[in-house]
Each structure stands twice: as C-alpha cells, then as structure tokens.
Amino acid sequence: RHGFRSVPQWTWTVPLPAVRRAGFSPVDHCVPDEVKRLRSTLA
C-alpha cells in the first residue's frame, strides 16, 4: 500500500571440486586483529 513491490530472488547451484584444500578457517570475533582485518577488507 506504500508503493513497495516484491522482486523475485534466485539461487545458482554449481558443482564442488571433489578434492579441496581447506584453505579457509573461521574468523574468531574475540580476536581484535581478526575483526580489524575483516572490517578493513569490507571497507
């Protein structure tokens, strides 16, 4: 009633490599330097 309209949202599905290196690790929000690095990258 205020002029907003719904817009459809979509997902794309792609295959994963069978072998992966596990190069990613979780960010610890209790470590200030990790959060600072994340914020710098976001900016």
PDB file of all heavy atoms in Angstrom:
ATOM      1  N   ARG A   1       0.823  -1.220   0.000  1.00  0.00           N
ATOM      2  CA  ARG A   1       0.000   0.000   0.000  1.00  0.00           C
ATOM      3  C   ARG A   1       0.857   1.270   0.000  1.00  0.00           C
ATOM      4  O   ARG A   1       0.349   2.362  -0.230  1.00  0.00           O
ATOM      5  CB  ARG A   1      -0.937   0.002   1.203  1.00  0.00           C
ATOM      6  CG  ARG A   1      -0.245   0.157   2.536  1.00  0.00           C
ATOM      7  CD  ARG A   1      -1.189   0.023   3.725  1.00  0.00           C
ATOM      8  NE  ARG A   1      -1.694  -1.312   3.871  1.00  0.00           N
ATOM      9  CZ  ARG A   1      -2.078  -1.836   5.039  1.00  0.00           C
ATOM     10  NH1 ARG A   1      -2.003  -1.113   6.139  1.00  0.00           N
ATOM     11  NH2 ARG A   1      -2.531  -3.062   5.109  1.00  0.00           N
ATOM     12  N   HIS A   2       2.159   1.101   0.276  1.00  0.00           N
ATOM     13  CA  HIS A   2       3.081   2.245   0.281  1.00  0.00           C
ATOM     14  C   HIS A   2       3.977   2.244  -0.955  1.00  0.00           C
ATOM     15  O   HIS A   2       5.012   2.923  -0.967  1.00  0.00           O
ATOM     16  CB  HIS A   2       3.930   2.227   1.549  1.00  0.00           C
ATOM     17  CG  HIS A   2       3.139   2.409   2.804  1.00  0.00           C
ATOM     18  ND1 HIS A   2       2.720   3.648   3.258  1.00  0.00           N
ATOM     19  CD2 HIS A   2       2.647   1.498   3.694  1.00  0.00           C
ATOM     20  CE1 HIS A   2       2.024   3.498   4.380  1.00  0.00           C
ATOM     21  NE2 HIS A   2       1.969   2.208   4.656  1.00  0.00           N
ATOM     22  N   GLY A   3       3.591   1.485  -1.971  1.00  0.00           N
ATOM     23  CA  GLY A   3       4.330   1.528  -3.226  1.00  0.00           C
ATOM     24  C   GLY A   3       5.476   0.547  -3.350  1.00  0.00           C
ATOM     25  O   GLY A   3       6.194   0.565  -4.353  1.00  0.00           O
ATOM     26  N   PHE A   4       5.662  -0.330  -2.371  1.00  0.00           N
ATOM     27  CA  PHE A   4       6.696  -1.359  -2.481  1.00  0.00           C
ATOM     28  C   PHE A   4       6.176  -2.524  -3.323  1.00  0.00           C
ATOM     29  O   PHE A   4       4.985  -2.841  -3.296  1.00  0.00           O
ATOM     30  CB  PHE A   4       7.100  -1.877  -1.098  1.00  0.00           C
ATOM     31  CG  PHE A   4       8.015  -0.953  -0.347  1.00  0.00           C
ATOM     32  CD1 PHE A   4       7.509   0.007   0.502  1.00  0.00           C
ATOM     33  CD2 PHE A   4       9.394  -1.044  -0.503  1.00  0.00           C
ATOM     34  CE1 PHE A   4       8.344   0.861   1.200  1.00  0.00           C
ATOM     35  CE2 PHE A   4      10.239  -0.197   0.189  1.00  0.00           C
ATOM     36  CZ  PHE A   4       9.714   0.765   1.038  1.00  0.00           C
ATOM     37  N   ARG A   5       7.070  -3.146  -4.047  1.00  0.00           N
ATOM     38  CA  ARG A   5       6.727  -4.312  -4.853  1.00  0.00           C
ATOM     39  C   ARG A   5       7.759  -5.417  -4.595  1.00  0.00           C
ATOM     40  O   ARG A   5       8.948  -5.142  -4.414  1.00  0.00           O
ATOM     41  CB  ARG A   5       6.701  -3.945  -6.335  1.00  0.00           C
ATOM     42  CG  ARG A   5       7.992  -3.323  -6.830  1.00  0.00           C
ATOM     43  CD  ARG A   5       7.802  -2.593  -8.162  1.00  0.00           C
ATOM     44  NE  ARG A   5       9.075  -2.028  -8.632  1.00  0.00           N
ATOM     45  CZ  ARG A   5       9.538  -0.818  -8.289  1.00  0.00           C
ATOM     46  NH1 ARG A   5       8.839  -0.038  -7.464  1.00  0.00           N
ATOM     47  NH2 ARG A   5      10.700  -0.383  -8.770  1.00  0.00           N
ATOM     48  N   SER A   6       7.294  -6.649  -4.589  1.00  0.00           N
ATOM     49  CA  SER A   6       8.188  -7.792  -4.385  1.00  0.00           C
ATOM     50  C   SER A   6       8.993  -8.040  -5.653  1.00  0.00           C
ATOM     51  O   SER A   6       8.470  -7.949  -6.766  1.00  0.00           O
ATOM     52  CB  SER A   6       7.390  -9.045  -4.031  1.00  0.00           C
ATOM     53  OG  SER A   6       6.712  -8.881  -2.803  1.00  0.00           O
ATOM     54  N   VAL A   7      10.270  -8.366  -5.482  1.00  0.00           N
ATOM     55  CA  VAL A   7      11.110  -8.722  -6.623  1.00  0.00           C
ATOM     56  C   VAL A   7      11.617 -10.148  -6.404  1.00  0.00           C
ATOM     57  O   VAL A   7      12.131 -10.477  -5.330  1.00  0.00           O
ATOM     58  CB  VAL A   7      12.278  -7.738  -6.813  1.00  0.00           C
ATOM     59  CG1 VAL A   7      11.777  -6.410  -7.344  1.00  0.00           C
ATOM     60  CG2 VAL A   7      13.057  -7.512  -5.523  1.00  0.00           C
ATOM     61  N   PRO A   8      11.449 -11.049  -7.378  1.00  0.00           N
ATOM     62  CA  PRO A   8      11.880 -12.440  -7.206  1.00  0.00           C
ATOM     63  C   PRO A   8      13.376 -12.532  -6.926  1.00  0.00           C
ATOM     64  O   PRO A   8      14.178 -11.749  -7.451  1.00  0.00           O
ATOM     65  CB  PRO A   8      11.536 -13.087  -8.559  1.00  0.00           C
ATOM     66  CG  PRO A   8      10.518 -12.184  -9.174  1.00  0.00           C
ATOM     67  CD  PRO A   8      10.846 -10.806  -8.696  1.00  0.00           C
ATOM     68  N   GLN A   9      13.736 -13.501  -6.091  1.00  0.00           N
ATOM     69  CA  GLN A   9      15.133 -13.745  -5.756  1.00  0.00           C
ATOM     70  C   GLN A   9      15.519 -15.144  -6.257  1.00  0.00           C
ATOM     71  O   GLN A   9      14.698 -16.058  -6.281  1.00  0.00           O
ATOM     72  CB  GLN A   9      15.341 -13.640  -4.247  1.00  0.00           C
ATOM     73  CG  GLN A   9      14.948 -12.281  -3.665  1.00  0.00           C
ATOM     74  CD  GLN A   9      15.843 -11.158  -4.137  1.00  0.00           C
ATOM     75  OE1 GLN A   9      16.996 -11.053  -3.731  1.00  0.00           O
ATOM     76  NE2 GLN A   9      15.321 -10.306  -5.016  1.00  0.00           N
ATOM     77  N   TRP A  10      16.800 -15.307  -6.602  1.00  0.00           N
ATOM     78  CA  TRP A  10      17.246 -16.510  -7.286  1.00  0.00           C
ATOM     79  C   TRP A  10      18.482 -17.104  -6.628  1.00  0.00           C
ATOM     80  O   TRP A  10      19.205 -16.439  -5.893  1.00  0.00           O
ATOM     81  CB  TRP A  10      17.558 -16.184  -8.756  1.00  0.00           C
ATOM     82  CG  TRP A  10      16.395 -15.620  -9.502  1.00  0.00           C
ATOM     83  CD1 TRP A  10      15.921 -14.335  -9.451  1.00  0.00           C
ATOM     84  CD2 TRP A  10      15.520 -16.329 -10.385  1.00  0.00           C
ATOM     85  NE1 TRP A  10      14.814 -14.198 -10.253  1.00  0.00           N
ATOM     86  CE2 TRP A  10      14.548 -15.398 -10.849  1.00  0.00           C
ATOM     87  CE3 TRP A  10      15.481 -17.649 -10.850  1.00  0.00           C
ATOM     88  CZ2 TRP A  10      13.547 -15.759 -11.732  1.00  0.00           C
ATOM     89  CZ3 TRP A  10      14.481 -17.996 -11.743  1.00  0.00           C
ATOM     90  CH2 TRP A  10      13.523 -17.062 -12.171  1.00  0.00           C
ATOM     91  N   THR A  11      18.698 -18.397  -6.914  1.00  0.00           N
ATOM     92  CA  THR A  11      19.879 -19.123  -6.432  1.00  0.00           C
ATOM     93  C   THR A  11      20.520 -19.837  -7.613  1.00  0.00           C
ATOM     94  O   THR A  11      19.819 -20.320  -8.505  1.00  0.00           O
ATOM     95  CB  THR A  11      19.477 -20.154  -5.354  1.00  0.00           C
ATOM     96  OG1 THR A  11      18.887 -19.470  -4.244  1.00  0.00           O
ATOM     97  CG2 THR A  11      20.696 -20.938  -4.857  1.00  0.00           C
ATOM     98  N   TRP A  12      21.837 -19.911  -7.600  1.00  0.00           N
ATOM     99  CA  TRP A  12      22.585 -20.644  -8.627  1.00  0.00           C
ATOM    100  C   TRP A  12      23.326 -21.799  -7.952  1.00  0.00           C
ATOM    101  O   TRP A  12      23.983 -21.597  -6.921  1.00  0.00           O
ATOM    102  CB  TRP A  12      23.595 -19.725  -9.303  1.00  0.00           C
ATOM    103  CG  TRP A  12      22.984 -18.684 -10.190  1.00  0.00           C
ATOM    104  CD1 TRP A  12      22.926 -18.684 -11.545  1.00  0.00           C
ATOM    105  CD2 TRP A  12      22.336 -17.462  -9.793  1.00  0.00           C
ATOM    106  NE1 TRP A  12      22.287 -17.553 -12.019  1.00  0.00           N
ATOM    107  CE2 TRP A  12      21.906 -16.786 -10.962  1.00  0.00           C
ATOM    108  CE3 TRP A  12      22.065 -16.867  -8.547  1.00  0.00           C
ATOM    109  CZ2 TRP A  12      21.256 -15.568 -10.942  1.00  0.00           C
ATOM    110  CZ3 TRP A  12      21.398 -15.646  -8.511  1.00  0.00           C
ATOM    111  CH2 TRP A  12      21.000 -15.010  -9.694  1.00  0.00           C
ATOM    112  N   THR A  13      23.228 -22.996  -8.498  1.00  0.00           N
ATOM    113  CA  THR A  13      23.887 -24.171  -7.918  1.00  0.00           C
ATOM    114  C   THR A  13      25.001 -24.640  -8.841  1.00  0.00           C
ATOM    115  O   THR A  13      24.770 -24.858 -10.036  1.00  0.00           O
ATOM    116  CB  THR A  13      22.875 -25.310  -7.702  1.00  0.00           C
ATOM    117  OG1 THR A  13      21.833 -24.843  -6.824  1.00  0.00           O
ATOM    118  CG2 THR A  13      23.549 -26.523  -7.072  1.00  0.00           C
ATOM    119  N   VAL A  14      26.197 -24.801  -8.273  1.00  0.00           N
ATOM    120  CA  VAL A  14      27.360 -25.213  -9.061  1.00  0.00           C
ATOM    121  C   VAL A  14      28.022 -26.416  -8.384  1.00  0.00           C
ATOM    122  O   VAL A  14      27.899 -26.604  -7.170  1.00  0.00           O
ATOM    123  CB  VAL A  14      28.381 -24.071  -9.216  1.00  0.00           C
ATOM    124  CG1 VAL A  14      27.759 -22.895  -9.969  1.00  0.00           C
ATOM    125  CG2 VAL A  14      28.904 -23.605  -7.868  1.00  0.00           C
ATOM    126  N   PRO A  15      28.728 -27.257  -9.157  1.00  0.00           N
ATOM    127  CA  PRO A  15      29.409 -28.411  -8.556  1.00  0.00           C
ATOM    128  C   PRO A  15      30.628 -27.990  -7.746  1.00  0.00           C
ATOM    129  O   PRO A  15      31.274 -26.977  -8.042  1.00  0.00           O
ATOM    130  CB  PRO A  15      29.815 -29.250  -9.777  1.00  0.00           C
ATOM    131  CG  PRO A  15      29.870 -28.284 -10.911  1.00  0.00           C
ATOM    132  CD  PRO A  15      28.851 -27.228 -10.624  1.00  0.00           C
ATOM    133  N   LEU A  16      30.925 -28.772  -6.729  1.00  0.00           N
ATOM    134  CA  LEU A  16      32.123 -28.574  -5.914  1.00  0.00           C
ATOM    135  C   LEU A  16      33.249 -29.482  -6.389  1.00  0.00           C
ATOM    136  O   LEU A  16      32.985 -30.603  -6.829  1.00  0.00           O
ATOM    137  CB  LEU A  16      31.823 -28.888  -4.445  1.00  0.00           C
ATOM    138  CG  LEU A  16      31.099 -27.810  -3.642  1.00  0.00           C
ATOM    139  CD1 LEU A  16      30.626 -28.392  -2.315  1.00  0.00           C
ATOM    140  CD2 LEU A  16      32.009 -26.607  -3.394  1.00  0.00           C
ATOM    141  N   PRO A  17      34.500 -29.039  -6.297  1.00  0.00           N
ATOM    142  CA  PRO A  17      35.613 -29.941  -6.605  1.00  0.00           C
ATOM    143  C   PRO A  17      35.613 -31.136  -5.657  1.00  0.00           C
ATOM    144  O   PRO A  17      35.293 -30.996  -4.463  1.00  0.00           O
ATOM    145  CB  PRO A  17      36.854 -29.063  -6.384  1.00  0.00           C
ATOM    146  CG  PRO A  17      36.356 -27.655  -6.389  1.00  0.00           C
ATOM    147  CD  PRO A  17      34.949 -27.695  -5.909  1.00  0.00           C
ATOM    148  N   ALA A  18      35.960 -32.287  -6.158  1.00  0.00           N
ATOM    149  CA  ALA A  18      35.980 -33.497  -5.320  1.00  0.00           C
ATOM    150  C   ALA A  18      37.032 -33.395  -4.231  1.00  0.00           C
ATOM    151  O   ALA A  18      36.849 -33.882  -3.111  1.00  0.00           O
ATOM    152  CB  ALA A  18      36.227 -34.724  -6.193  1.00  0.00           C
ATOM    153  N   VAL A  19      38.168 -32.766  -4.545  1.00  0.00           N
ATOM    154  CA  VAL A  19      39.258 -32.602  -3.577  1.00  0.00           C
ATOM    155  C   VAL A  19      39.423 -31.111  -3.303  1.00  0.00           C
ATOM    156  O   VAL A  19      39.547 -30.308  -4.223  1.00  0.00           O
ATOM    157  CB  VAL A  19      40.575 -33.197  -4.111  1.00  0.00           C
ATOM    158  CG1 VAL A  19      41.699 -32.973  -3.110  1.00  0.00           C
ATOM    159  CG2 VAL A  19      40.400 -34.676  -4.419  1.00  0.00           C
ATOM    160  N   ARG A  20      39.424 -30.768  -1.996  1.00  0.00           N
ATOM    161  CA  ARG A  20      39.552 -29.368  -1.621  1.00  0.00           C
ATOM    162  C   ARG A  20      40.662 -29.191  -0.594  1.00  0.00           C
ATOM    163  O   ARG A  20      40.941 -30.091   0.192  1.00  0.00           O
ATOM    164  CB  ARG A  20      38.212 -28.852  -1.093  1.00  0.00           C
ATOM    165  CG  ARG A  20      37.083 -29.033  -2.114  1.00  0.00           C
ATOM    166  CD  ARG A  20      35.852 -28.252  -1.772  1.00  0.00           C
ATOM    167  NE  ARG A  20      35.054 -28.796  -0.699  1.00  0.00           N
ATOM    168  CZ  ARG A  20      34.175 -29.788  -0.839  1.00  0.00           C
ATOM    169  NH1 ARG A  20      34.002 -30.353  -2.024  1.00  0.00           N
ATOM    170  NH2 ARG A  20      33.471 -30.216   0.167  1.00  0.00           N
ATOM    171  N   ARG A  21      41.277 -28.008  -0.569  1.00  0.00           N
ATOM    172  CA  ARG A  21      42.483 -27.777   0.239  1.00  0.00           C
ATOM    173  C   ARG A  21      42.190 -27.361   1.674  1.00  0.00           C
ATOM    174  O   ARG A  21      43.092 -27.333   2.505  1.00  0.00           O
ATOM    175  CB  ARG A  21      43.328 -26.684  -0.415  1.00  0.00           C
ATOM    176  CG  ARG A  21      43.891 -27.041  -1.777  1.00  0.00           C
ATOM    177  CD  ARG A  21      44.574 -25.819  -2.366  1.00  0.00           C
ATOM    178  NE  ARG A  21      45.137 -26.077  -3.680  1.00  0.00           N
ATOM    179  CZ  ARG A  21      45.455 -25.140  -4.554  1.00  0.00           C
ATOM    180  NH1 ARG A  21      45.257 -23.864  -4.239  1.00  0.00           N
ATOM    181  NH2 ARG A  21      45.968 -25.446  -5.729  1.00  0.00           N
ATOM    182  N   ALA A  22      40.985 -26.947   1.966  1.00  0.00           N
ATOM    183  CA  ALA A  22      40.631 -26.446   3.295  1.00  0.00           C
ATOM    184  C   ALA A  22      41.477 -25.228   3.657  1.00  0.00           C
ATOM    185  O   ALA A  22      42.029 -25.121   4.749  1.00  0.00           O
ATOM    186  CB  ALA A  22      40.769 -27.539   4.357  1.00  0.00           C
ATOM    187  N   GLY A  23      41.572 -24.278   2.713  1.00  0.00           N
ATOM    188  CA  GLY A  23      42.349 -23.070   2.963  1.00  0.00           C
ATOM    189  C   GLY A  23      41.610 -22.021   3.771  1.00  0.00           C
ATOM    190  O   GLY A  23      42.223 -21.055   4.246  1.00  0.00           O
ATOM    191  N   PHE A  24      40.294 -22.188   3.938  1.00  0.00           N
ATOM    192  CA  PHE A  24      39.502 -21.249   4.727  1.00  0.00           C
ATOM    193  C   PHE A  24      39.396 -21.719   6.177  1.00  0.00           C
ATOM    194  O   PHE A  24      39.284 -22.926   6.441  1.00  0.00           O
ATOM    195  CB  PHE A  24      38.087 -21.122   4.156  1.00  0.00           C
ATOM    196  CG  PHE A  24      37.997 -20.236   2.940  1.00  0.00           C
ATOM    197  CD1 PHE A  24      38.043 -20.794   1.667  1.00  0.00           C
ATOM    198  CD2 PHE A  24      37.862 -18.866   3.068  1.00  0.00           C
ATOM    199  CE1 PHE A  24      37.950 -19.995   0.534  1.00  0.00           C
ATOM    200  CE2 PHE A  24      37.775 -18.056   1.947  1.00  0.00           C
ATOM    201  CZ  PHE A  24      37.823 -18.618   0.672  1.00  0.00           C
ATOM    202  N   SER A  25      39.420 -20.780   7.100  1.00  0.00           N
ATOM    203  CA  SER A  25      39.200 -21.094   8.512  1.00  0.00           C
ATOM    204  C   SER A  25      38.326 -20.003   9.126  1.00  0.00           C
ATOM    205  O   SER A  25      38.361 -18.842   8.682  1.00  0.00           O
ATOM    206  CB  SER A  25      40.527 -21.199   9.273  1.00  0.00           C
ATOM    207  OG  SER A  25      41.266 -19.998   9.148  1.00  0.00           O
ATOM    208  N   PRO A  26      37.529 -20.345  10.148  1.00  0.00           N
ATOM    209  CA  PRO A  26      36.579 -19.376  10.709  1.00  0.00           C
ATOM    210  C   PRO A  26      37.271 -18.176  11.346  1.00  0.00           C
ATOM    211  O   PRO A  26      38.364 -18.282  11.911  1.00  0.00           O
ATOM    212  CB  PRO A  26      35.819 -20.193  11.764  1.00  0.00           C
ATOM    213  CG  PRO A  26      35.986 -21.617  11.335  1.00  0.00           C
ATOM    214  CD  PRO A  26      37.355 -21.687  10.717  1.00  0.00           C
ATOM    215  N   VAL A  27      36.600 -17.029  11.262  1.00  0.00           N
ATOM    216  CA  VAL A  27      37.061 -15.813  11.925  1.00  0.00           C
ATOM    217  C   VAL A  27      36.640 -15.873  13.390  1.00  0.00           C
ATOM    218  O   VAL A  27      35.501 -16.220  13.708  1.00  0.00           O
ATOM    219  CB  VAL A  27      36.455 -14.571  11.245  1.00  0.00           C
ATOM    220  CG1 VAL A  27      36.753 -13.310  12.044  1.00  0.00           C
ATOM    221  CG2 VAL A  27      36.987 -14.444   9.827  1.00  0.00           C
ATOM    222  N   ASP A  28      37.551 -15.542  14.292  1.00  0.00           N
ATOM    223  CA  ASP A  28      37.252 -15.511  15.724  1.00  0.00           C
ATOM    224  C   ASP A  28      36.927 -14.070  16.112  1.00  0.00           C
ATOM    225  O   ASP A  28      37.808 -13.208  16.126  1.00  0.00           O
ATOM    226  CB  ASP A  28      38.458 -16.021  16.515  1.00  0.00           C
ATOM    227  CG  ASP A  28      38.150 -16.188  18.000  1.00  0.00           C
ATOM    228  OD1 ASP A  28      37.154 -15.603  18.477  1.00  0.00           O
ATOM    229  OD2 ASP A  28      38.910 -16.886  18.693  1.00  0.00           O
ATOM    230  N   HIS A  29      35.664 -13.804  16.434  1.00  0.00           N
ATOM    231  CA  HIS A  29      35.266 -12.429  16.751  1.00  0.00           C
ATOM    232  C   HIS A  29      35.832 -11.947  18.077  1.00  0.00           C
ATOM    233  O   HIS A  29      35.721 -10.766  18.413  1.00  0.00           O
ATOM    234  CB  HIS A  29      33.734 -12.305  16.756  1.00  0.00           C
ATOM    235  CG  HIS A  29      33.074 -13.000  17.900  1.00  0.00           C
ATOM    236  ND1 HIS A  29      32.798 -14.351  17.901  1.00  0.00           N
ATOM    237  CD2 HIS A  29      32.630 -12.522  19.096  1.00  0.00           C
ATOM    238  CE1 HIS A  29      32.214 -14.675  19.028  1.00  0.00           C
ATOM    239  NE2 HIS A  29      32.098 -13.597  19.773  1.00  0.00           N
ATOM    240  N   CYS A  30      36.447 -12.852  18.842  1.00  0.00           N
ATOM    241  CA  CYS A  30      37.076 -12.460  20.109  1.00  0.00           C
ATOM    242  C   CYS A  30      38.516 -11.995  19.925  1.00  0.00           C
ATOM    243  O   CYS A  30      39.157 -11.570  20.893  1.00  0.00           O
ATOM    244  CB  CYS A  30      37.035 -13.636  21.102  1.00  0.00           C
ATOM    245  SG  CYS A  30      35.354 -14.077  21.618  1.00  0.00           S
ATOM    246  N   VAL A  31      39.034 -12.103  18.713  1.00  0.00           N
ATOM    247  CA  VAL A  31      40.411 -11.669  18.430  1.00  0.00           C
ATOM    248  C   VAL A  31      40.345 -10.336  17.693  1.00  0.00           C
ATOM    249  O   VAL A  31      39.959 -10.293  16.514  1.00  0.00           O
ATOM    250  CB  VAL A  31      41.160 -12.722  17.585  1.00  0.00           C
ATOM    251  CG1 VAL A  31      42.577 -12.247  17.262  1.00  0.00           C
ATOM    252  CG2 VAL A  31      41.194 -14.068  18.320  1.00  0.00           C
ATOM    253  N   PRO A  32      40.711  -9.233  18.352  1.00  0.00           N
ATOM    254  CA  PRO A  32      40.550  -7.908  17.738  1.00  0.00           C
ATOM    255  C   PRO A  32      41.229  -7.761  16.384  1.00  0.00           C
ATOM    256  O   PRO A  32      40.671  -7.133  15.478  1.00  0.00           O
ATOM    257  CB  PRO A  32      41.165  -6.960  18.781  1.00  0.00           C
ATOM    258  CG  PRO A  32      41.005  -7.679  20.083  1.00  0.00           C
ATOM    259  CD  PRO A  32      41.188  -9.136  19.745  1.00  0.00           C
ATOM    260  N   ASP A  33      42.426  -8.330  16.217  1.00  0.00           N
ATOM    261  CA  ASP A  33      43.130  -8.182  14.945  1.00  0.00           C
ATOM    262  C   ASP A  33      42.375  -8.851  13.800  1.00  0.00           C
ATOM    263  O   ASP A  33      42.405  -8.372  12.656  1.00  0.00           O
ATOM    264  CB  ASP A  33      44.548  -8.754  15.046  1.00  0.00           C
ATOM    265  CG  ASP A  33      45.484  -7.832  15.814  1.00  0.00           C
ATOM    266  OD1 ASP A  33      45.094  -6.680  16.076  1.00  0.00           O
ATOM    267  OD2 ASP A  33      46.602  -8.266  16.153  1.00  0.00           O
ATOM    268  N   GLU A  34      41.700  -9.968  14.090  1.00  0.00           N
ATOM    269  CA  GLU A  34      40.932 -10.650  13.044  1.00  0.00           C
ATOM    270  C   GLU A  34      39.735  -9.800  12.614  1.00  0.00           C
ATOM    271  O   GLU A  34      39.421  -9.693  11.427  1.00  0.00           O
ATOM    272  CB  GLU A  34      40.473 -12.032  13.524  1.00  0.00           C
ATOM    273  CG  GLU A  34      41.603 -13.049  13.659  1.00  0.00           C
ATOM    274  CD  GLU A  34      41.083 -14.464  13.715  1.00  0.00           C
ATOM    275  OE1 GLU A  34      40.036 -14.752  13.097  1.00  0.00           O
ATOM    276  OE2 GLU A  34      41.731 -15.292  14.377  1.00  0.00           O
ATOM    277  N   VAL A  35      39.075  -9.205  13.590  1.00  0.00           N
ATOM    278  CA  VAL A  35      37.925  -8.357  13.274  1.00  0.00           C
ATOM    279  C   VAL A  35      38.389  -7.098  12.542  1.00  0.00           C
ATOM    280  O   VAL A  35      37.742  -6.643  11.586  1.00  0.00           O
ATOM    281  CB  VAL A  35      37.146  -7.994  14.553  1.00  0.00           C
ATOM    282  CG1 VAL A  35      35.996  -7.047  14.235  1.00  0.00           C
ATOM    283  CG2 VAL A  35      36.621  -9.258  15.232  1.00  0.00           C
ATOM    284  N   LYS A  36      39.522  -6.540  12.960  1.00  0.00           N
ATOM    285  CA  LYS A  36      40.055  -5.343  12.300  1.00  0.00           C
ATOM    286  C   LYS A  36      40.379  -5.635  10.837  1.00  0.00           C
ATOM    287  O   LYS A  36      40.083  -4.826   9.946  1.00  0.00           O
ATOM    288  CB  LYS A  36      41.310  -4.874  13.034  1.00  0.00           C
ATOM    289  CG  LYS A  36      41.922  -3.600  12.475  1.00  0.00           C
ATOM    290  CD  LYS A  36      43.136  -3.177  13.291  1.00  0.00           C
ATOM    291  CE  LYS A  36      43.767  -1.912  12.713  1.00  0.00           C
ATOM    292  NZ  LYS A  36      44.963  -1.497  13.519  1.00  0.00           N
ATOM    293  N   ARG A  37      40.970  -6.791  10.562  1.00  0.00           N
ATOM    294  CA  ARG A  37      41.296  -7.163   9.183  1.00  0.00           C
ATOM    295  C   ARG A  37      40.027  -7.353   8.352  1.00  0.00           C
ATOM    296  O   ARG A  37      39.958  -6.908   7.201  1.00  0.00           O
ATOM    297  CB  ARG A  37      42.119  -8.457   9.184  1.00  0.00           C
ATOM    298  CG  ARG A  37      42.555  -8.932   7.791  1.00  0.00           C
ATOM    299  CD  ARG A  37      43.377 -10.196   7.892  1.00  0.00           C
ATOM    300  NE  ARG A  37      42.603 -11.285   8.492  1.00  0.00           N
ATOM    301  CZ  ARG A  37      43.132 -12.439   8.896  1.00  0.00           C
ATOM    302  NH1 ARG A  37      44.426 -12.653   8.782  1.00  0.00           N
ATOM    303  NH2 ARG A  37      42.363 -13.376   9.421  1.00  0.00           N
ATOM    304  N   LEU A  38      39.019  -7.983   8.941  1.00  0.00           N
ATOM    305  CA  LEU A  38      37.749  -8.154   8.237  1.00  0.00           C
ATOM    306  C   LEU A  38      37.121  -6.804   7.917  1.00  0.00           C
ATOM    307  O   LEU A  38      36.680  -6.562   6.788  1.00  0.00           O
ATOM    308  CB  LEU A  38      36.793  -8.990   9.090  1.00  0.00           C
ATOM    309  CG  LEU A  38      35.335  -9.066   8.611  1.00  0.00           C
ATOM    310  CD1 LEU A  38      35.241  -9.692   7.226  1.00  0.00           C
ATOM    311  CD2 LEU A  38      34.483  -9.845   9.616  1.00  0.00           C
ATOM    312  N   ARG A  39      37.087  -5.901   8.887  1.00  0.00           N
ATOM    313  CA  ARG A  39      36.471  -4.595   8.667  1.00  0.00           C
ATOM    314  C   ARG A  39      37.220  -3.807   7.595  1.00  0.00           C
ATOM    315  O   ARG A  39      36.611  -3.115   6.783  1.00  0.00           O
ATOM    316  CB  ARG A  39      36.420  -3.809   9.975  1.00  0.00           C
ATOM    317  CG  ARG A  39      35.431  -4.383  11.004  1.00  0.00           C
ATOM    318  CD  ARG A  39      35.353  -3.506  12.229  1.00  0.00           C
ATOM    319  NE  ARG A  39      34.798  -2.206  11.904  1.00  0.00           N
ATOM    320  CZ  ARG A  39      33.511  -1.909  11.971  1.00  0.00           C
ATOM    321  NH1 ARG A  39      32.623  -2.827  12.328  1.00  0.00           N
ATOM    322  NH2 ARG A  39      33.089  -0.708  11.671  1.00  0.00           N
ATOM    323  N   SER A  40      38.545  -3.928   7.585  1.00  0.00           N
ATOM    324  CA  SER A  40      39.337  -3.230   6.569  1.00  0.00           C
ATOM    325  C   SER A  40      39.010  -3.757   5.177  1.00  0.00           C
ATOM    326  O   SER A  40      38.873  -2.979   4.218  1.00  0.00           O
ATOM    327  CB  SER A  40      40.830  -3.397   6.860  1.00  0.00           C
ATOM    328  OG  SER A  40      41.608  -2.795   5.851  1.00  0.00           O
ATOM    329  N   THR A  41      38.862  -5.074   5.052  1.00  0.00           N
ATOM    330  CA  THR A  41      38.527  -5.661   3.752  1.00  0.00           C
ATOM    331  C   THR A  41      37.117  -5.262   3.324  1.00  0.00           C
ATOM    332  O   THR A  41      36.876  -4.937   2.158  1.00  0.00           O
ATOM    333  CB  THR A  41      38.656  -7.190   3.800  1.00  0.00           C
ATOM    334  OG1 THR A  41      39.970  -7.546   4.262  1.00  0.00           O
ATOM    335  CG2 THR A  41      38.449  -7.795   2.416  1.00  0.00           C
ATOM    336  N   LEU A  42      36.179  -5.270   4.267  1.00  0.00           N
ATOM    337  CA  LEU A  42      34.809  -4.849   3.955  1.00  0.00           C
ATOM    338  C   LEU A  42      34.772  -3.406   3.450  1.00  0.00           C
ATOM    339  O   LEU A  42      34.036  -3.070   2.525  1.00  0.00           O
ATOM    340  CB  LEU A  42      33.921  -4.986   5.191  1.00  0.00           C
ATOM    341  CG  LEU A  42      33.451  -6.397   5.540  1.00  0.00           C
ATOM    342  CD1 LEU A  42      32.934  -6.452   6.973  1.00  0.00           C
ATOM    343  CD2 LEU A  42      32.368  -6.865   4.577  1.00  0.00           C
ATOM    344  N   ALA A  43      35.586  -2.548   4.056  1.00  0.00           N
ATOM    345  CA  ALA A  43      35.586  -1.133   3.693  1.00  0.00           C
ATOM    346  C   ALA A  43      36.119  -0.890   2.284  1.00  0.00           C
ATOM    347  O   ALA A  43      35.848   0.153   1.690  1.00  0.00           O
ATOM    348  CB  ALA A  43      36.396  -0.331   4.698  1.00  0.00           C
TER     349      ALA A  43
END
